[in-house]
Structures are given as C-alpha cells and as structure tokens.
Amino acid sequence: MDVKKCNVLAAEIRLETLKVIHSRGFGHVGGSMDLADLMAVLYGEVMKFDPKNPRWEDRDWLVLSKGHAGPVAYATFGLMGFYPMEEAYTLNQPHTKFPSHTDRKLTPGVDLTTGSLGQGASTAAGAALGNKIAAAFCISRLELCILTVKQTKAIMMLSC
C-alpha cells in the first residue's frame, strides 16, 4: 500500500467534504470527516471499481450504513472520477443527485440507499447474499458495510 498516496487522497477527501457541506451551509461534518482516511484507503488502494461504469458487475461494494455521512462519499466519488466534483456542491438542493442520505438511484458510485440508522446492516447482508449467489456465475467481489458505534451496539443487543 502506498501510504503517502493514501494520506494525500485523505487530505483531498477532507477538503472536498468540507466544500460539499459548506455549499449547503450545514451538514454532518464529524460523521463525514471521520471516514476520510478509510475512504482514501478503500478507494485509493483496495476496492475494484470503474467510475465510467458505476454498475460494473465485478465491482466491490460499499454500503455506507451511516447514510448521513454522504458528503464524504460524494467527495470520494467525485475525486475518483464518477462525476465532476463541482456537481456534488448541490448537496441537498432541489432536484440534486446528492441528497443528505446516500441514494443509489440518484448518485453514481452509491451501491445501496441508506438513511435510517441500522438499515444498512440488513441491506448489506441481503446484498452480500445476493452477490454470493451471483458468485456461482464467476463474479467475485468485496462487500463492506460501514456502521456507527450505536448501530453495532444495537446489533449486539438484538443478537443476545
């Protein structure tokens, strides 16, 4: 892994995340900023994706269960070339492709729509199961789900 490359990308993601949030005047700054390093490593070094073909069948999937951290995803996807970065500056505006919570039908690069906390874990599990079935057709991919601390505590309580 190229640590210097990841550090530079993380700094760019932080800057663009702040610009995206600033364009609206408010948003979940902390919830977005705490993922900049992770997004830099995932999209800079680990994940398979094609910005020109966001629904590429062999791509790796990321489910941002804390959908309110959409600005960091929008910044990352813009920097990776899914769309011109400036488009993300329409965050949460009428008719935008960049709502406050990530939406797979609106934003290129978003694999699953998330919103209510806790929703991402179940949809990610369903997607992983569907993708496992698809693996029978020689499709192999990585599926990741990012959860908040509160979500993991709730899941642990439900499983007891």
C-alpha atoms as a PDB file:
ATOM      1  CA  MET A   1       0.000   0.000   0.000  1.00  0.00           C
ATOM      2  CA  ASP A   2       1.238   3.460  -0.877  1.00  0.00           C
ATOM      3  CA  VAL A   3       0.797   5.296   2.448  1.00  0.00           C
ATOM      4  CA  LYS A   4       1.827   8.684   1.031  1.00  0.00           C
ATOM      5  CA  LYS A   5      -0.724   8.375  -1.778  1.00  0.00           C
ATOM      6  CA  CYS A   6      -3.439   7.472   0.746  1.00  0.00           C
ATOM      7  CA  ASN A   7      -2.532  10.400   3.012  1.00  0.00           C
ATOM      8  CA  VAL A   8      -2.704  12.844   0.084  1.00  0.00           C
ATOM      9  CA  LEU A   9      -6.035  11.383  -1.055  1.00  0.00           C
ATOM     10  CA  ALA A  10      -7.426  11.552   2.501  1.00  0.00           C
ATOM     11  CA  ALA A  11      -6.487  15.245   2.702  1.00  0.00           C
ATOM     12  CA  GLU A  12      -8.194  15.875  -0.653  1.00  0.00           C
ATOM     13  CA  ILE A  13     -11.291  13.981   0.524  1.00  0.00           C
ATOM     14  CA  ARG A  14     -11.419  16.070   3.724  1.00  0.00           C
ATOM     15  CA  LEU A  15     -11.143  19.323   1.770  1.00  0.00           C
ATOM     16  CA  GLU A  16     -13.807  18.341  -0.758  1.00  0.00           C
ATOM     17  CA  THR A  17     -16.086  17.019   2.001  1.00  0.00           C
ATOM     18  CA  LEU A  18     -15.930  20.399   3.709  1.00  0.00           C
ATOM     19  CA  LYS A  19     -16.640  22.140   0.394  1.00  0.00           C
ATOM     20  CA  VAL A  20     -19.660  19.882  -0.216  1.00  0.00           C
ATOM     21  CA  ILE A  21     -21.072  20.571   3.259  1.00  0.00           C
ATOM     22  CA  HIS A  22     -20.255  24.285   3.025  1.00  0.00           C
ATOM     23  CA  SER A  23     -22.144  24.509  -0.281  1.00  0.00           C
ATOM     24  CA  ARG A  24     -25.341  23.755   1.655  1.00  0.00           C
ATOM     25  CA  GLY A  25     -24.339  25.650   4.778  1.00  0.00           C
ATOM     26  CA  PHE A  26     -24.901  22.777   7.177  1.00  0.00           C
ATOM     27  CA  GLY A  27     -24.483  19.021   7.433  1.00  0.00           C
ATOM     28  CA  HIS A  28     -22.931  16.161   9.361  1.00  0.00           C
ATOM     29  CA  VAL A  29     -19.314  17.312   9.444  1.00  0.00           C
ATOM     30  CA  GLY A  30     -17.967  14.919  12.078  1.00  0.00           C
ATOM     31  CA  GLY A  31     -19.783  11.892  10.722  1.00  0.00           C
ATOM     32  CA  SER A  32     -18.310  12.569   7.304  1.00  0.00           C
ATOM     33  CA  MET A  33     -14.806  13.637   8.270  1.00  0.00           C
ATOM     34  CA  ASP A  34     -14.130  10.592  10.425  1.00  0.00           C
ATOM     35  CA  LEU A  35     -14.322   8.399   7.315  1.00  0.00           C
ATOM     36  CA  ALA A  36     -11.853  10.292   5.103  1.00  0.00           C
ATOM     37  CA  ASP A  37      -8.877   8.040   5.879  1.00  0.00           C
ATOM     38  CA  LEU A  38     -10.910   4.867   5.415  1.00  0.00           C
ATOM     39  CA  MET A  39     -12.368   6.081   2.105  1.00  0.00           C
ATOM     40  CA  ALA A  40      -8.868   7.013   0.902  1.00  0.00           C
ATOM     41  CA  VAL A  41      -7.543   3.529   1.627  1.00  0.00           C
ATOM     42  CA  LEU A  42     -10.593   1.753   0.205  1.00  0.00           C
ATOM     43  CA  TYR A  43     -10.922   3.786  -2.999  1.00  0.00           C
ATOM     44  CA  GLY A  44      -7.232   4.572  -3.367  1.00  0.00           C
ATOM     45  CA  GLU A  45      -5.818   1.092  -2.828  1.00  0.00           C
ATOM     46  CA  VAL A  46      -8.286  -1.694  -2.053  1.00  0.00           C
ATOM     47  CA  MET A  47     -11.579  -1.621  -3.921  1.00  0.00           C
ATOM     48  CA  LYS A  48     -12.265  -2.582  -7.535  1.00  0.00           C
ATOM     49  CA  PHE A  49     -14.486  -0.026  -9.279  1.00  0.00           C
ATOM     50  CA  ASP A  50     -14.923   1.713 -12.611  1.00  0.00           C
ATOM     51  CA  PRO A  51     -16.060   5.353 -12.430  1.00  0.00           C
ATOM     52  CA  LYS A  52     -17.111   5.247 -16.087  1.00  0.00           C
ATOM     53  CA  ASN A  53     -19.274   2.187 -15.384  1.00  0.00           C
ATOM     54  CA  PRO A  54     -20.586   2.584 -11.789  1.00  0.00           C
ATOM     55  CA  ARG A  55     -22.779  -0.548 -12.035  1.00  0.00           C
ATOM     56  CA  TRP A  56     -19.951  -2.767 -13.297  1.00  0.00           C
ATOM     57  CA  GLU A  57     -20.885  -6.293 -12.193  1.00  0.00           C
ATOM     58  CA  ASP A  58     -17.447  -7.194 -10.860  1.00  0.00           C
ATOM     59  CA  ARG A  59     -17.028  -4.074  -8.706  1.00  0.00           C
ATOM     60  CA  ASP A  60     -16.581  -4.174  -4.960  1.00  0.00           C
ATOM     61  CA  TRP A  61     -19.489  -2.815  -2.946  1.00  0.00           C
ATOM     62  CA  LEU A  62     -19.528  -0.280  -0.119  1.00  0.00           C
ATOM     63  CA  VAL A  63     -22.635   0.242   1.995  1.00  0.00           C
ATOM     64  CA  LEU A  64     -22.462   3.457   3.977  1.00  0.00           C
ATOM     65  CA  SER A  65     -24.942   2.498   6.676  1.00  0.00           C
ATOM     66  CA  LYS A  66     -24.499   5.899   8.269  1.00  0.00           C
ATOM     67  CA  GLY A  67     -26.025   7.490   5.185  1.00  0.00           C
ATOM     68  CA  HIS A  68     -25.878  10.947   6.773  1.00  0.00           C
ATOM     69  CA  ALA A  69     -22.128  10.793   6.053  1.00  0.00           C
ATOM     70  CA  GLY A  70     -22.986  11.075   2.371  1.00  0.00           C
ATOM     71  CA  PRO A  71     -20.777  14.144   1.851  1.00  0.00           C
ATOM     72  CA  VAL A  72     -17.606  12.073   2.357  1.00  0.00           C
ATOM     73  CA  ALA A  73     -18.876   9.519  -0.160  1.00  0.00           C
ATOM     74  CA  TYR A  74     -19.777  12.262  -2.643  1.00  0.00           C
ATOM     75  CA  ALA A  75     -16.345  13.848  -2.248  1.00  0.00           C
ATOM     76  CA  THR A  76     -14.611  10.493  -2.690  1.00  0.00           C
ATOM     77  CA  PHE A  77     -16.646   9.527  -5.752  1.00  0.00           C
ATOM     78  CA  GLY A  78     -16.080  12.934  -7.331  1.00  0.00           C
ATOM     79  CA  LEU A  79     -12.348  12.707  -6.775  1.00  0.00           C
ATOM     80  CA  MET A  80     -12.342   9.173  -8.225  1.00  0.00           C
ATOM     81  CA  GLY A  81     -13.997  10.448 -11.416  1.00  0.00           C
ATOM     82  CA  PHE A  82     -17.597   9.247 -11.081  1.00  0.00           C
ATOM     83  CA  TYR A  83     -18.725  12.809 -11.898  1.00  0.00           C
ATOM     84  CA  PRO A  84     -17.263  16.329 -11.929  1.00  0.00           C
ATOM     85  CA  MET A  85     -16.550  17.283  -8.313  1.00  0.00           C
ATOM     86  CA  GLU A  86     -18.491  20.536  -8.629  1.00  0.00           C
ATOM     87  CA  GLU A  87     -21.745  18.599  -9.133  1.00  0.00           C
ATOM     88  CA  ALA A  88     -21.593  17.461  -5.503  1.00  0.00           C
ATOM     89  CA  TYR A  89     -21.768  21.095  -4.397  1.00  0.00           C
ATOM     90  CA  THR A  90     -25.530  20.855  -4.983  1.00  0.00           C
ATOM     91  CA  LEU A  91     -25.877  18.805  -1.780  1.00  0.00           C
ATOM     92  CA  ASN A  92     -29.461  18.564  -0.589  1.00  0.00           C
ATOM     93  CA  GLN A  93     -30.744  21.142  -3.107  1.00  0.00           C
ATOM     94  CA  PRO A  94     -33.991  20.584  -5.037  1.00  0.00           C
ATOM     95  CA  HIS A  95     -33.544  18.079  -7.917  1.00  0.00           C
ATOM     96  CA  THR A  96     -29.957  17.238  -6.870  1.00  0.00           C
ATOM     97  CA  LYS A  97     -28.228  13.908  -7.384  1.00  0.00           C
ATOM     98  CA  PHE A  98     -26.688  14.417  -3.920  1.00  0.00           C
ATOM     99  CA  PRO A  99     -29.311  14.118  -1.155  1.00  0.00           C
ATOM    100  CA  SER A 100     -28.392  14.326   2.517  1.00  0.00           C
ATOM    101  CA  HIS A 101     -28.513  10.500   2.758  1.00  0.00           C
ATOM    102  CA  THR A 102     -26.951   8.374   0.026  1.00  0.00           C
ATOM    103  CA  ASP A 103     -29.305   7.117  -2.697  1.00  0.00           C
ATOM    104  CA  ARG A 104     -28.235   4.526  -5.276  1.00  0.00           C
ATOM    105  CA  LYS A 105     -30.845   5.692  -7.792  1.00  0.00           C
ATOM    106  CA  LEU A 106     -29.507   9.252  -7.764  1.00  0.00           C
ATOM    107  CA  THR A 107     -25.757   9.212  -7.201  1.00  0.00           C
ATOM    108  CA  PRO A 108     -23.209   7.334  -9.323  1.00  0.00           C
ATOM    109  CA  GLY A 109     -20.984   5.236  -7.045  1.00  0.00           C
ATOM    110  CA  VAL A 110     -23.583   4.600  -4.337  1.00  0.00           C
ATOM    111  CA  ASP A 111     -24.249   0.860  -4.157  1.00  0.00           C
ATOM    112  CA  LEU A 112     -27.181   0.836  -1.710  1.00  0.00           C
ATOM    113  CA  THR A 113     -29.516   3.552  -0.459  1.00  0.00           C
ATOM    114  CA  THR A 114     -29.237   4.187   3.277  1.00  0.00           C
ATOM    115  CA  GLY A 115     -30.958   6.523   5.655  1.00  0.00           C
ATOM    116  CA  SER A 116     -32.334   5.329   8.956  1.00  0.00           C
ATOM    117  CA  LEU A 117     -29.580   4.128  11.259  1.00  0.00           C
ATOM    118  CA  GLY A 118     -29.495   0.352  11.339  1.00  0.00           C
ATOM    119  CA  GLN A 119     -30.921  -0.066   7.854  1.00  0.00           C
ATOM    120  CA  GLY A 120     -27.508  -0.525   6.241  1.00  0.00           C
ATOM    121  CA  ALA A 121     -26.574  -3.708   8.086  1.00  0.00           C
ATOM    122  CA  SER A 122     -29.637  -5.609   6.895  1.00  0.00           C
ATOM    123  CA  THR A 123     -29.475  -4.326   3.316  1.00  0.00           C
ATOM    124  CA  ALA A 124     -25.733  -5.041   3.178  1.00  0.00           C
ATOM    125  CA  ALA A 125     -26.382  -8.596   4.393  1.00  0.00           C
ATOM    126  CA  GLY A 126     -29.035  -9.043   1.707  1.00  0.00           C
ATOM    127  CA  ALA A 127     -26.742  -7.657  -0.976  1.00  0.00           C
ATOM    128  CA  ALA A 128     -23.893  -9.892   0.165  1.00  0.00           C
ATOM    129  CA  LEU A 129     -26.181 -12.931  -0.020  1.00  0.00           C
ATOM    130  CA  GLY A 130     -27.347 -11.906  -3.493  1.00  0.00           C
ATOM    131  CA  ASN A 131     -23.763 -11.368  -4.556  1.00  0.00           C
ATOM    132  CA  LYS A 132     -22.804 -14.770  -3.145  1.00  0.00           C
ATOM    133  CA  ILE A 133     -25.450 -16.327  -5.379  1.00  0.00           C
ATOM    134  CA  ALA A 134     -24.044 -14.291  -8.281  1.00  0.00           C
ATOM    135  CA  ALA A 135     -20.602 -15.706  -7.453  1.00  0.00           C
ATOM    136  CA  ALA A 136     -21.886 -19.002  -8.818  1.00  0.00           C
ATOM    137  CA  PHE A 137     -21.612 -17.181 -12.144  1.00  0.00           C
ATOM    138  CA  CYS A 138     -17.920 -16.369 -11.540  1.00  0.00           C
ATOM    139  CA  ILE A 139     -18.448 -12.893 -10.105  1.00  0.00           C
ATOM    140  CA  SER A 140     -16.199 -12.273  -7.135  1.00  0.00           C
ATOM    141  CA  ARG A 141     -16.294  -9.062  -5.141  1.00  0.00           C
ATOM    142  CA  LEU A 142     -15.661  -7.495  -1.772  1.00  0.00           C
ATOM    143  CA  GLU A 143     -18.646  -6.180   0.200  1.00  0.00           C
ATOM    144  CA  LEU A 144     -18.084  -3.690   3.008  1.00  0.00           C
ATOM    145  CA  CYS A 145     -20.578  -2.085   5.368  1.00  0.00           C
ATOM    146  CA  ILE A 146     -19.670   0.945   7.479  1.00  0.00           C
ATOM    147  CA  LEU A 147     -21.662   1.140  10.719  1.00  0.00           C
ATOM    148  CA  THR A 148     -21.812   3.634  13.559  1.00  0.00           C
ATOM    149  CA  VAL A 149     -20.991   2.662  17.144  1.00  0.00           C
ATOM    150  CA  LYS A 150     -24.688   2.945  18.067  1.00  0.00           C
ATOM    151  CA  GLN A 151     -25.605   0.577  15.245  1.00  0.00           C
ATOM    152  CA  THR A 152     -23.122  -2.065  16.368  1.00  0.00           C
ATOM    153  CA  LYS A 153     -24.374  -1.809  19.959  1.00  0.00           C
ATOM    154  CA  ALA A 154     -27.958  -2.263  18.755  1.00  0.00           C
ATOM    155  CA  ILE A 155     -26.985  -5.283  16.665  1.00  0.00           C
ATOM    156  CA  MET A 156     -25.149  -6.832  19.614  1.00  0.00           C
ATOM    157  CA  MET A 157     -28.186  -6.273  21.859  1.00  0.00           C
ATOM    158  CA  LEU A 158     -30.522  -7.851  19.291  1.00  0.00           C
ATOM    159  CA  SER A 159     -28.312 -10.905  18.942  1.00  0.00           C
ATOM    160  CA  CYS A 160     -28.256 -11.638  22.692  1.00  0.00           C
END
